[in-house]
Protein backbone atom coordinates (compact mmCIF):
# COMPACT_ATOMS: atom_id res chain seq x y z
CA MET A 1 0.00 0.00 0.00
CA GLU A 2 1.08 3.55 -0.76
CA LEU A 3 -0.11 6.48 1.36
CA ILE A 4 0.43 10.07 0.27
CA LEU A 5 -0.27 12.81 2.79
CA TRP A 6 -0.78 16.20 1.11
CA ARG A 7 -1.17 19.23 3.33
CA HIS A 8 -3.44 21.89 1.89
CA ALA A 9 -1.65 24.84 0.35
CA ASP A 10 -1.36 28.33 1.85
CA ALA A 11 -4.76 29.68 2.94
CA ALA A 12 -6.19 33.03 3.97
CA ASP A 13 -6.55 33.91 7.64
CA SER A 14 -10.30 34.27 7.69
CA VAL A 15 -13.12 32.92 9.76
CA PRO A 16 -14.90 30.52 9.86
CA ASP A 17 -12.00 28.10 9.62
CA SER A 18 -13.81 25.65 7.32
CA GLU A 19 -14.33 28.39 4.70
CA ARG A 20 -10.74 29.66 4.47
CA PRO A 21 -9.82 29.83 0.75
CA LEU A 22 -6.36 29.42 -0.74
CA THR A 23 -4.33 32.58 -1.24
CA GLU A 24 -2.74 33.40 -4.60
CA LYS A 25 0.44 31.81 -3.23
CA GLY A 26 -1.59 28.75 -2.20
CA LEU A 27 -3.17 28.40 -5.64
CA LYS A 28 0.31 28.41 -7.19
CA GLN A 29 1.57 25.89 -4.62
CA ALA A 30 -1.36 23.59 -5.33
CA GLN A 31 -0.84 23.81 -9.11
CA ARG A 32 2.89 23.05 -8.85
CA MET A 33 2.36 20.06 -6.58
CA ALA A 34 -0.58 18.82 -8.66
CA GLU A 35 1.59 18.85 -11.78
CA PHE A 36 4.27 16.89 -9.91
CA LEU A 37 1.72 14.35 -8.66
CA ARG A 38 -0.09 13.91 -11.99
CA GLN A 39 3.15 12.59 -13.47
CA ARG A 40 3.57 10.03 -10.68
CA LEU A 41 0.19 8.92 -9.35
CA PRO A 42 -1.13 5.54 -10.47
CA SER A 43 -4.36 5.91 -12.44
CA ASP A 44 -6.34 4.03 -9.77
CA THR A 45 -5.25 6.25 -6.87
CA ARG A 46 -8.06 6.84 -4.36
CA ILE A 47 -8.13 10.54 -3.43
CA MET A 48 -9.78 11.50 -0.14
CA VAL A 49 -10.12 15.15 0.83
CA SER A 50 -11.09 17.06 3.95
CA PRO A 51 -14.31 19.07 3.54
CA ALA A 52 -12.50 22.32 4.43
CA LYS A 53 -12.48 24.75 1.49
CA ARG A 54 -8.67 25.07 1.44
CA ALA A 55 -8.25 21.29 1.16
CA GLN A 56 -10.94 21.07 -1.53
CA GLN A 57 -9.23 23.80 -3.59
CA THR A 58 -5.86 22.08 -3.17
CA ALA A 59 -7.27 18.79 -4.46
CA GLN A 60 -9.11 20.48 -7.34
CA ALA A 61 -5.74 21.48 -8.78
CA LEU A 62 -5.18 17.80 -9.65
CA GLY A 63 -8.14 17.79 -12.01
CA LYS A 64 -9.08 14.26 -10.89
CA TYR A 65 -12.11 12.78 -9.18
CA PHE A 66 -11.88 12.85 -5.39
CA HIS A 67 -14.06 11.87 -2.48
CA THR A 68 -14.82 14.40 0.26
CA GLU A 69 -14.27 12.56 3.54
CA LYS A 70 -15.83 14.27 6.56
CA SER A 71 -13.88 12.11 8.99
CA ILE A 72 -10.58 13.79 7.98
CA ALA A 73 -11.73 17.36 8.63
CA PRO A 74 -9.50 19.72 10.64
CA ASN A 75 -8.75 18.47 14.15
CA CYS A 76 -9.39 14.83 13.27
CA SER A 77 -7.34 12.03 14.79
CA VAL A 78 -4.49 9.98 13.40
CA GLN A 79 -6.81 6.98 13.57
CA ALA A 80 -9.36 8.80 11.39
CA ILE A 81 -6.67 9.30 8.72
CA LEU A 82 -5.58 5.66 8.93
CA ASN A 83 -9.17 4.41 8.80
CA ALA A 84 -9.99 6.58 5.77
CA ALA A 85 -6.93 5.21 3.98
CA SER A 86 -7.58 1.61 5.12
CA TRP A 87 -4.01 1.50 6.47
CA PRO A 88 -2.25 -0.90 6.64
CA ASP A 89 -4.43 -3.50 4.92
CA GLY A 90 -5.61 -1.45 1.97
CA GLU A 91 -4.35 -1.94 -1.54
CA GLY A 92 -3.05 0.45 -4.13
CA THR A 93 -2.37 4.13 -3.55
CA VAL A 94 -4.36 6.51 -1.36
CA LEU A 95 -3.88 10.28 -1.42
CA ILE A 96 -5.17 12.15 1.64
CA VAL A 97 -5.50 15.95 1.37
CA GLY A 98 -5.72 17.32 4.88
CA HIS A 99 -4.32 19.40 7.69
CA GLN A 100 -1.64 19.90 10.28
CA PRO A 101 -0.96 18.80 12.90
CA VAL A 102 -2.63 15.45 12.18
CA LEU A 103 -0.76 14.76 8.93
CA GLY A 104 2.58 15.21 10.69
CA MET A 105 1.36 13.11 13.60
CA THR A 106 0.27 10.38 11.18
CA ALA A 107 3.68 10.33 9.48
CA ALA A 108 5.45 10.21 12.86
CA GLN A 109 3.22 7.39 14.09
CA LEU A 110 3.84 5.31 10.98
CA LEU A 111 7.56 6.02 10.63
CA CYS A 112 8.72 6.21 14.25
CA ASP A 113 5.86 4.90 16.38
CA SER A 114 5.90 8.36 17.97
CA ASN A 115 3.14 10.65 19.19
CA ILE A 116 5.28 13.71 18.46
CA GLY A 117 4.43 14.87 14.95
CA PHE A 118 6.57 16.09 12.11
CA SER A 119 6.13 19.54 10.63
CA VAL A 120 4.50 19.24 7.20
CA LYS A 121 4.96 22.41 5.17
CA LYS A 122 1.89 23.95 3.51
CA GLY A 123 1.33 22.36 0.12
CA ALA A 124 3.90 19.59 0.75
CA ILE A 125 3.49 15.84 0.35
CA TRP A 126 4.83 12.92 2.37
CA TRP A 127 4.74 9.65 0.40
CA LEU A 128 4.85 6.50 2.51
CA THR A 129 4.73 2.84 1.61
CA ASN A 130 3.92 -0.36 3.44
CA ARG A 131 5.09 -3.47 1.66
CA ASP A 132 5.25 -5.90 4.58
CA GLU A 133 1.60 -5.60 5.62
CA GLY A 134 2.66 -4.32 9.02
CA GLU A 135 1.83 -0.96 10.48
CA GLN A 136 5.30 0.53 10.07
CA ALA A 137 5.92 2.51 6.93
CA THR A 138 8.88 3.41 4.78
CA LEU A 139 9.34 6.99 3.66
CA ARG A 140 9.59 7.19 -0.12
CA LEU A 141 9.48 10.93 -0.70
CA VAL A 142 8.97 14.30 0.94
CA MET A 143 8.44 17.18 -1.47
CA ALA A 144 7.65 20.83 -0.85
CA PRO A 145 5.86 22.90 -3.49
CA ASP A 146 8.74 25.38 -3.78
CA LEU A 147 11.04 22.54 -4.90
CA VAL A 148 8.96 21.37 -7.87
């Protein structure tokens, strides 16, 4: 199984939180990362996106079908992310578009069995794999939008 964690791109500081749109910078970040991903994602990748506007806009940059998953909204748990992805028993590739700090906490849990999360930059992806059908992952790639 492959799990890609994509943090939403840069968003405006407005309220309510669920309606915060991407900034111009965020739109550019999302487009750059979407172009990078389109060249690498398997055609059968399942894409699951938080219902928050900034996550929806980030995912829309891919131009692919995605499922809005309410359980991965801001402030969700690591377990909610893992359940949505069907980790570790799922098959294929799953792309989750979500939020900090839970994406960094998910990566830390899978890579280090730690409750202390990593910092995931806005618009960045963390690509993990699980080939041994265990819960521990291998880090394949970390990419920030300013590097693509």
